[in-house]
């Protein structure tokens, strides 16, 4: 099974690729029409949420640079 990869795009969406499924809060599956790559909205402006429709262009700024999270408090 292929590893799932999430890419945080600058000024835009989260790209999801690989073997994955997306479900709503009730566990219902979004049928992706055979797609192995989708983009998820991060800006909240998409009319096709949870999927990106490009509405963020010119309205959302984020420099996607990886960093380490601090250890979890247990």
PDB file of N, CA and C in Angstrom:
ATOM      1  N   UNK A   1       0.846  -1.182   0.000  1.00  0.00           N
ATOM      2  CA  UNK A   1       0.000   0.000   0.000  1.00  0.00           C
ATOM      3  C   UNK A   1       0.894   1.250   0.000  1.00  0.00           C
ATOM      4  N   UNK A   2       0.561   2.202  -0.858  1.00  0.00           N
ATOM      5  CA  UNK A   2       1.332   3.440  -0.964  1.00  0.00           C
ATOM      6  C   UNK A   2       1.127   4.308   0.274  1.00  0.00           C
ATOM      7  N   UNK A   3       2.183   4.952   0.677  1.00  0.00           N
ATOM      8  CA  UNK A   3       2.135   5.868   1.808  1.00  0.00           C
ATOM      9  C   UNK A   3       1.323   7.113   1.411  1.00  0.00           C
ATOM     10  N   UNK A   4       0.474   7.591   2.296  1.00  0.00           N
ATOM     11  CA  UNK A   4      -0.284   8.814   2.043  1.00  0.00           C
ATOM     12  C   UNK A   4       0.618  10.008   2.316  1.00  0.00           C
ATOM     13  N   UNK A   5       0.567  10.990   1.411  1.00  0.00           N
ATOM     14  CA  UNK A   5       1.398  12.186   1.548  1.00  0.00           C
ATOM     15  C   UNK A   5       0.499  13.415   1.564  1.00  0.00           C
ATOM     16  N   UNK A   6       0.697  14.283   2.566  1.00  0.00           N
ATOM     17  CA  UNK A   6       0.007  15.566   2.664  1.00  0.00           C
ATOM     18  C   UNK A   6       1.026  16.667   2.404  1.00  0.00           C
ATOM     19  N   UNK A   7       0.722  17.546   1.461  1.00  0.00           N
ATOM     20  CA  UNK A   7       1.605  18.664   1.167  1.00  0.00           C
ATOM     21  C   UNK A   7       0.882  19.956   1.509  1.00  0.00           C
ATOM     22  N   UNK A   8       1.482  20.766   2.384  1.00  0.00           N
ATOM     23  CA  UNK A   8       0.925  22.070   2.738  1.00  0.00           C
ATOM     24  C   UNK A   8       1.463  23.068   1.703  1.00  0.00           C
ATOM     25  N   UNK A   9       0.595  23.547   0.834  1.00  0.00           N
ATOM     26  CA  UNK A   9       0.998  24.468  -0.224  1.00  0.00           C
ATOM     27  C   UNK A   9       1.060  25.902   0.287  1.00  0.00           C
ATOM     28  N   UNK A  10       2.052  26.654  -0.179  1.00  0.00           N
ATOM     29  CA  UNK A  10       2.095  28.076   0.124  1.00  0.00           C
ATOM     30  C   UNK A  10       0.817  28.742  -0.367  1.00  0.00           C
ATOM     31  N   UNK A  11       0.251  29.608   0.465  1.00  0.00           N
ATOM     32  CA  UNK A  11      -0.911  30.417   0.074  1.00  0.00           C
ATOM     33  C   UNK A  11      -2.047  29.593  -0.516  1.00  0.00           C
ATOM     34  N   UNK A  12      -2.242  28.385  -0.031  1.00  0.00           N
ATOM     35  CA  UNK A  12      -3.306  27.576  -0.627  1.00  0.00           C
ATOM     36  C   UNK A  12      -3.664  26.333   0.139  1.00  0.00           C
ATOM     37  N   UNK A  13      -3.988  25.327  -0.612  1.00  0.00           N
ATOM     38  CA  UNK A  13      -4.623  24.106  -0.128  1.00  0.00           C
ATOM     39  C   UNK A  13      -3.647  23.119   0.516  1.00  0.00           C
ATOM     40  N   UNK A  14      -4.243  22.044   1.030  1.00  0.00           N
ATOM     41  CA  UNK A  14      -3.511  20.850   1.447  1.00  0.00           C
ATOM     42  C   UNK A  14      -3.688  19.832   0.335  1.00  0.00           C
ATOM     43  N   UNK A  15      -2.609  19.391  -0.276  1.00  0.00           N
ATOM     44  CA  UNK A  15      -2.690  18.365  -1.319  1.00  0.00           C
ATOM     45  C   UNK A  15      -2.527  17.011  -0.654  1.00  0.00           C
ATOM     46  N   UNK A  16      -3.469  16.102  -0.929  1.00  0.00           N
ATOM     47  CA  UNK A  16      -3.452  14.754  -0.379  1.00  0.00           C
ATOM     48  C   UNK A  16      -3.258  13.792  -1.542  1.00  0.00           C
ATOM     49  N   UNK A  17      -2.275  12.901  -1.406  1.00  0.00           N
ATOM     50  CA  UNK A  17      -2.048  11.933  -2.476  1.00  0.00           C
ATOM     51  C   UNK A  17      -1.658  10.588  -1.892  1.00  0.00           C
ATOM     52  N   UNK A  18      -2.012   9.535  -2.613  1.00  0.00           N
ATOM     53  CA  UNK A  18      -1.712   8.184  -2.169  1.00  0.00           C
ATOM     54  C   UNK A  18      -2.972   7.390  -1.963  1.00  0.00           C
ATOM     55  N   UNK A  19      -2.935   6.486  -1.006  1.00  0.00           N
ATOM     56  CA  UNK A  19      -4.076   5.636  -0.690  1.00  0.00           C
ATOM     57  C   UNK A  19      -4.762   6.210   0.549  1.00  0.00           C
ATOM     58  N   UNK A  20      -5.929   6.803   0.381  1.00  0.00           N
ATOM     59  CA  UNK A  20      -6.629   7.457   1.487  1.00  0.00           C
ATOM     60  C   UNK A  20      -8.121   7.437   1.227  1.00  0.00           C
ATOM     61  N   UNK A  21      -8.889   7.709   2.268  1.00  0.00           N
ATOM     62  CA  UNK A  21     -10.309   7.988   2.114  1.00  0.00           C
ATOM     63  C   UNK A  21     -10.625   9.192   2.971  1.00  0.00           C
ATOM     64  N   UNK A  22     -11.626   9.949   2.562  1.00  0.00           N
ATOM     65  CA  UNK A  22     -12.063  11.127   3.289  1.00  0.00           C
ATOM     66  C   UNK A  22     -13.493  10.880   3.721  1.00  0.00           C
ATOM     67  N   UNK A  23     -13.757  11.099   5.003  1.00  0.00           N
ATOM     68  CA  UNK A  23     -15.099  10.896   5.542  1.00  0.00           C
ATOM     69  C   UNK A  23     -15.576  12.164   6.233  1.00  0.00           C
ATOM     70  N   UNK A  24     -16.906  12.321   6.332  1.00  0.00           N
ATOM     71  CA  UNK A  24     -17.466  13.450   7.060  1.00  0.00           C
ATOM     72  C   UNK A  24     -17.557  13.100   8.541  1.00  0.00           C
ATOM     73  N   UNK A  25     -18.099  14.019   9.351  1.00  0.00           N
ATOM     74  CA  UNK A  25     -18.118  13.806  10.806  1.00  0.00           C
ATOM     75  C   UNK A  25     -18.940  12.595  11.221  1.00  0.00           C
ATOM     76  N   UNK A  26     -19.857  12.139  10.359  1.00  0.00           N
ATOM     77  CA  UNK A  26     -20.675  10.962  10.666  1.00  0.00           C
ATOM     78  C   UNK A  26     -20.056   9.678  10.129  1.00  0.00           C
ATOM     79  N   UNK A  27     -18.898   9.800   9.465  1.00  0.00           N
ATOM     80  CA  UNK A  27     -18.228   8.623   8.916  1.00  0.00           C
ATOM     81  C   UNK A  27     -18.636   8.285   7.494  1.00  0.00           C
ATOM     82  N   UNK A  28     -19.465   9.125   6.867  1.00  0.00           N
ATOM     83  CA  UNK A  28     -19.869   8.902   5.483  1.00  0.00           C
ATOM     84  C   UNK A  28     -18.703   9.243   4.553  1.00  0.00           C
ATOM     85  N   UNK A  29     -18.470   8.381   3.580  1.00  0.00           N
ATOM     86  CA  UNK A  29     -17.327   8.519   2.678  1.00  0.00           C
ATOM     87  C   UNK A  29     -17.647   9.493   1.543  1.00  0.00           C
ATOM     88  N   UNK A  30     -16.709  10.400   1.279  1.00  0.00           N
ATOM     89  CA  UNK A  30     -16.764  11.222   0.072  1.00  0.00           C
ATOM     90  C   UNK A  30     -16.258  10.339  -1.067  1.00  0.00           C
ATOM     91  N   UNK A  31     -17.071  10.140  -2.090  1.00  0.00           N
ATOM     92  CA  UNK A  31     -16.652   9.344  -3.242  1.00  0.00           C
ATOM     93  C   UNK A  31     -15.857  10.250  -4.170  1.00  0.00           C
ATOM     94  N   UNK A  32     -14.618   9.892  -4.418  1.00  0.00           N
ATOM     95  CA  UNK A  32     -13.661  10.768  -5.090  1.00  0.00           C
ATOM     96  C   UNK A  32     -13.520  10.490  -6.580  1.00  0.00           C
ATOM     97  N   UNK A  33     -14.383   9.664  -7.128  1.00  0.00           N
ATOM     98  CA  UNK A  33     -14.375   9.426  -8.566  1.00  0.00           C
ATOM     99  C   UNK A  33     -13.066   8.864  -9.086  1.00  0.00           C
ATOM    100  N   UNK A  34     -12.390   8.028  -8.294  1.00  0.00           N
ATOM    101  CA  UNK A  34     -11.153   7.400  -8.723  1.00  0.00           C
ATOM    102  C   UNK A  34      -9.909   8.258  -8.555  1.00  0.00           C
ATOM    103  N   UNK A  35     -10.055   9.459  -8.001  1.00  0.00           N
ATOM    104  CA  UNK A  35      -8.898  10.338  -7.819  1.00  0.00           C
ATOM    105  C   UNK A  35      -7.954   9.787  -6.759  1.00  0.00           C
ATOM    106  N   UNK A  36      -6.657   9.901  -7.025  1.00  0.00           N
ATOM    107  CA  UNK A  36      -5.629   9.542  -6.061  1.00  0.00           C
ATOM    108  C   UNK A  36      -4.934  10.777  -5.518  1.00  0.00           C
ATOM    109  N   UNK A  37      -5.318  11.954  -6.029  1.00  0.00           N
ATOM    110  CA  UNK A  37      -4.808  13.240  -5.550  1.00  0.00           C
ATOM    111  C   UNK A  37      -5.987  14.202  -5.458  1.00  0.00           C
ATOM    112  N   UNK A  38      -6.150  14.840  -4.303  1.00  0.00           N
ATOM    113  CA  UNK A  38      -7.154  15.899  -4.135  1.00  0.00           C
ATOM    114  C   UNK A  38      -6.522  17.037  -3.353  1.00  0.00           C
ATOM    115  N   UNK A  39      -7.126  18.201  -3.441  1.00  0.00           N
ATOM    116  CA  UNK A  39      -6.683  19.350  -2.654  1.00  0.00           C
ATOM    117  C   UNK A  39      -7.799  19.752  -1.713  1.00  0.00           C
ATOM    118  N   UNK A  40      -7.455  19.938  -0.446  1.00  0.00           N
ATOM    119  CA  UNK A  40      -8.420  20.312   0.580  1.00  0.00           C
ATOM    120  C   UNK A  40      -8.280  21.791   0.917  1.00  0.00           C
ATOM    121  N   UNK A  41      -9.407  22.451   1.130  1.00  0.00           N
ATOM    122  CA  UNK A  41      -9.457  23.878   1.431  1.00  0.00           C
ATOM    123  C   UNK A  41      -8.886  24.149   2.821  1.00  0.00           C
ATOM    124  N   UNK A  42      -8.045  25.191   2.915  1.00  0.00           N
ATOM    125  CA  UNK A  42      -7.546  25.675   4.209  1.00  0.00           C
ATOM    126  C   UNK A  42      -8.049  27.071   4.513  1.00  0.00           C
ATOM    127  N   UNK A  43      -8.539  27.796   3.507  1.00  0.00           N
ATOM    128  CA  UNK A  43      -8.873  29.211   3.695  1.00  0.00           C
ATOM    129  C   UNK A  43     -10.326  29.428   4.120  1.00  0.00           C
ATOM    130  N   UNK A  44     -11.192  28.447   3.877  1.00  0.00           N
ATOM    131  CA  UNK A  44     -12.609  28.587   4.214  1.00  0.00           C
ATOM    132  C   UNK A  44     -13.443  29.275   3.154  1.00  0.00           C
ATOM    133  N   UNK A  45     -12.850  29.651   2.026  1.00  0.00           N
ATOM    134  CA  UNK A  45     -13.581  30.382   0.992  1.00  0.00           C
ATOM    135  C   UNK A  45     -14.163  29.498  -0.107  1.00  0.00           C
ATOM    136  N   UNK A  46     -13.758  28.240  -0.179  1.00  0.00           N
ATOM    137  CA  UNK A  46     -14.204  27.349  -1.245  1.00  0.00           C
ATOM    138  C   UNK A  46     -15.710  27.114  -1.177  1.00  0.00           C
ATOM    139  N   UNK A  47     -16.350  27.089  -2.334  1.00  0.00           N
ATOM    140  CA  UNK A  47     -17.765  26.737  -2.410  1.00  0.00           C
ATOM    141  C   UNK A  47     -17.929  25.223  -2.528  1.00  0.00           C
ATOM    142  N   UNK A  48     -16.814  24.511  -2.546  1.00  0.00           N
ATOM    143  CA  UNK A  48     -16.807  23.062  -2.721  1.00  0.00           C
ATOM    144  C   UNK A  48     -16.139  22.377  -1.524  1.00  0.00           C
ATOM    145  N   UNK A  49     -16.266  22.982  -0.321  1.00  0.00           N
ATOM    146  CA  UNK A  49     -15.614  22.438   0.877  1.00  0.00           C
ATOM    147  C   UNK A  49     -16.055  20.998   1.119  1.00  0.00           C
ATOM    148  N   UNK A  50     -15.183  20.134   1.527  1.00  0.00           N
ATOM    149  CA  UNK A  50     -13.852  20.381   2.054  1.00  0.00           C
ATOM    150  C   UNK A  50     -12.781  20.493   0.967  1.00  0.00           C
ATOM    151  N   UNK A  51     -13.186  20.466  -0.299  1.00  0.00           N
ATOM    152  CA  UNK A  51     -12.227  20.488  -1.400  1.00  0.00           C
ATOM    153  C   UNK A  51     -11.943  21.919  -1.837  1.00  0.00           C
ATOM    154  N   UNK A  52     -10.739  22.131  -2.333  1.00  0.00           N
ATOM    155  CA  UNK A  52     -10.302  23.447  -2.786  1.00  0.00           C
ATOM    156  C   UNK A  52     -10.857  23.728  -4.175  1.00  0.00           C
ATOM    157  N   UNK A  53     -11.360  24.954  -4.379  1.00  0.00           N
ATOM    158  CA  UNK A  53     -11.802  25.373  -5.715  1.00  0.00           C
ATOM    159  C   UNK A  53     -11.002  26.566  -6.232  1.00  0.00           C
ATOM    160  N   UNK A  54      -9.924  26.921  -5.523  1.00  0.00           N
ATOM    161  CA  UNK A  54      -9.066  28.026  -5.944  1.00  0.00           C
ATOM    162  C   UNK A  54      -9.513  29.392  -5.464  1.00  0.00           C
ATOM    163  N   UNK A  55     -10.575  29.456  -4.660  1.00  0.00           N
ATOM    164  CA  UNK A  55     -11.101  30.739  -4.174  1.00  0.00           C
ATOM    165  C   UNK A  55     -10.099  31.492  -3.299  1.00  0.00           C
ATOM    166  N   UNK A  56      -9.088  30.822  -2.788  1.00  0.00           N
ATOM    167  CA  UNK A  56      -8.097  31.445  -1.907  1.00  0.00           C
ATOM    168  C   UNK A  56      -7.181  32.419  -2.633  1.00  0.00           C
ATOM    169  N   UNK A  57      -7.085  32.317  -3.922  1.00  0.00           N
ATOM    170  CA  UNK A  57      -6.106  33.121  -4.667  1.00  0.00           C
ATOM    171  C   UNK A  57      -6.290  34.605  -4.387  1.00  0.00           C
ATOM    172  N   UNK A  58      -5.237  35.220  -3.838  1.00  0.00           N
ATOM    173  CA  UNK A  58      -5.248  36.634  -3.497  1.00  0.00           C
ATOM    174  C   UNK A  58      -5.916  36.954  -2.168  1.00  0.00           C
ATOM    175  N   UNK A  59      -6.395  35.916  -1.436  1.00  0.00           N
ATOM    176  CA  UNK A  59      -7.123  36.147  -0.190  1.00  0.00           C
ATOM    177  C   UNK A  59      -6.556  35.364   0.996  1.00  0.00           C
ATOM    178  N   UNK A  60      -5.469  34.672   0.796  1.00  0.00           N
ATOM    179  CA  UNK A  60      -4.964  33.780   1.839  1.00  0.00           C
ATOM    180  C   UNK A  60      -3.453  33.724   1.717  1.00  0.00           C
ATOM    181  N   UNK A  61      -2.758  34.055   2.796  1.00  0.00           N
ATOM    182  CA  UNK A  61      -1.302  34.027   2.769  1.00  0.00           C
ATOM    183  C   UNK A  61      -0.775  33.127   3.875  1.00  0.00           C
ATOM    184  N   UNK A  62       0.090  32.221   3.487  1.00  0.00           N
ATOM    185  CA  UNK A  62       0.747  31.351   4.456  1.00  0.00           C
ATOM    186  C   UNK A  62       2.008  30.809   3.810  1.00  0.00           C
ATOM    187  N   UNK A  63       3.145  31.018   4.450  1.00  0.00           N
ATOM    188  CA  UNK A  63       4.404  30.472   3.975  1.00  0.00           C
ATOM    189  C   UNK A  63       4.563  29.084   4.578  1.00  0.00           C
ATOM    190  N   UNK A  64       4.375  28.062   3.773  1.00  0.00           N
ATOM    191  CA  UNK A  64       4.409  26.679   4.251  1.00  0.00           C
ATOM    192  C   UNK A  64       5.847  26.216   4.418  1.00  0.00           C
ATOM    193  N   UNK A  65       6.358  26.347   5.639  1.00  0.00           N
ATOM    194  CA  UNK A  65       7.707  25.913   5.975  1.00  0.00           C
ATOM    195  C   UNK A  65       7.614  24.935   7.144  1.00  0.00           C
ATOM    196  N   UNK A  66       8.167  23.757   6.967  1.00  0.00           N
ATOM    197  CA  UNK A  66       8.074  22.714   7.995  1.00  0.00           C
ATOM    198  C   UNK A  66       8.808  23.125   9.272  1.00  0.00           C
ATOM    199  N   UNK A  67       8.289  22.670  10.402  1.00  0.00           N
ATOM    200  CA  UNK A  67       8.921  22.889  11.706  1.00  0.00           C
ATOM    201  C   UNK A  67       8.562  21.721  12.612  1.00  0.00           C
ATOM    202  N   UNK A  68       9.280  21.586  13.709  1.00  0.00           N
ATOM    203  CA  UNK A  68       9.023  20.514  14.664  1.00  0.00           C
ATOM    204  C   UNK A  68       8.042  20.987  15.727  1.00  0.00           C
ATOM    205  N   UNK A  69       7.033  20.181  16.006  1.00  0.00           N
ATOM    206  CA  UNK A  69       6.129  20.461  17.117  1.00  0.00           C
ATOM    207  C   UNK A  69       6.817  20.111  18.425  1.00  0.00           C
ATOM    208  N   UNK A  70       6.466  20.801  19.497  1.00  0.00           N
ATOM    209  CA  UNK A  70       7.036  20.423  20.794  1.00  0.00           C
ATOM    210  C   UNK A  70       6.450  19.069  21.230  1.00  0.00           C
ATOM    211  N   UNK A  71       7.114  18.379  22.159  1.00  0.00           N
ATOM    212  CA  UNK A  71       6.587  17.097  22.640  1.00  0.00           C
ATOM    213  C   UNK A  71       5.189  17.271  23.225  1.00  0.00           C
ATOM    214  N   UNK A  72       4.378  16.230  23.069  1.00  0.00           N
ATOM    215  CA  UNK A  72       3.030  16.249  23.634  1.00  0.00           C
ATOM    216  C   UNK A  72       3.097  16.212  25.150  1.00  0.00           C
ATOM    217  N   UNK A  73       2.167  16.911  25.774  1.00  0.00           N
ATOM    218  CA  UNK A  73       2.012  16.818  27.233  1.00  0.00           C
ATOM    219  C   UNK A  73       1.105  15.654  27.527  1.00  0.00           C
ATOM    220  N   UNK A  74       1.612  14.711  28.269  1.00  0.00           N
ATOM    221  CA  UNK A  74       0.815  13.502  28.560  1.00  0.00           C
ATOM    222  C   UNK A  74       0.306  13.534  29.965  1.00  0.00           C
TER     223      UNK A  74
END
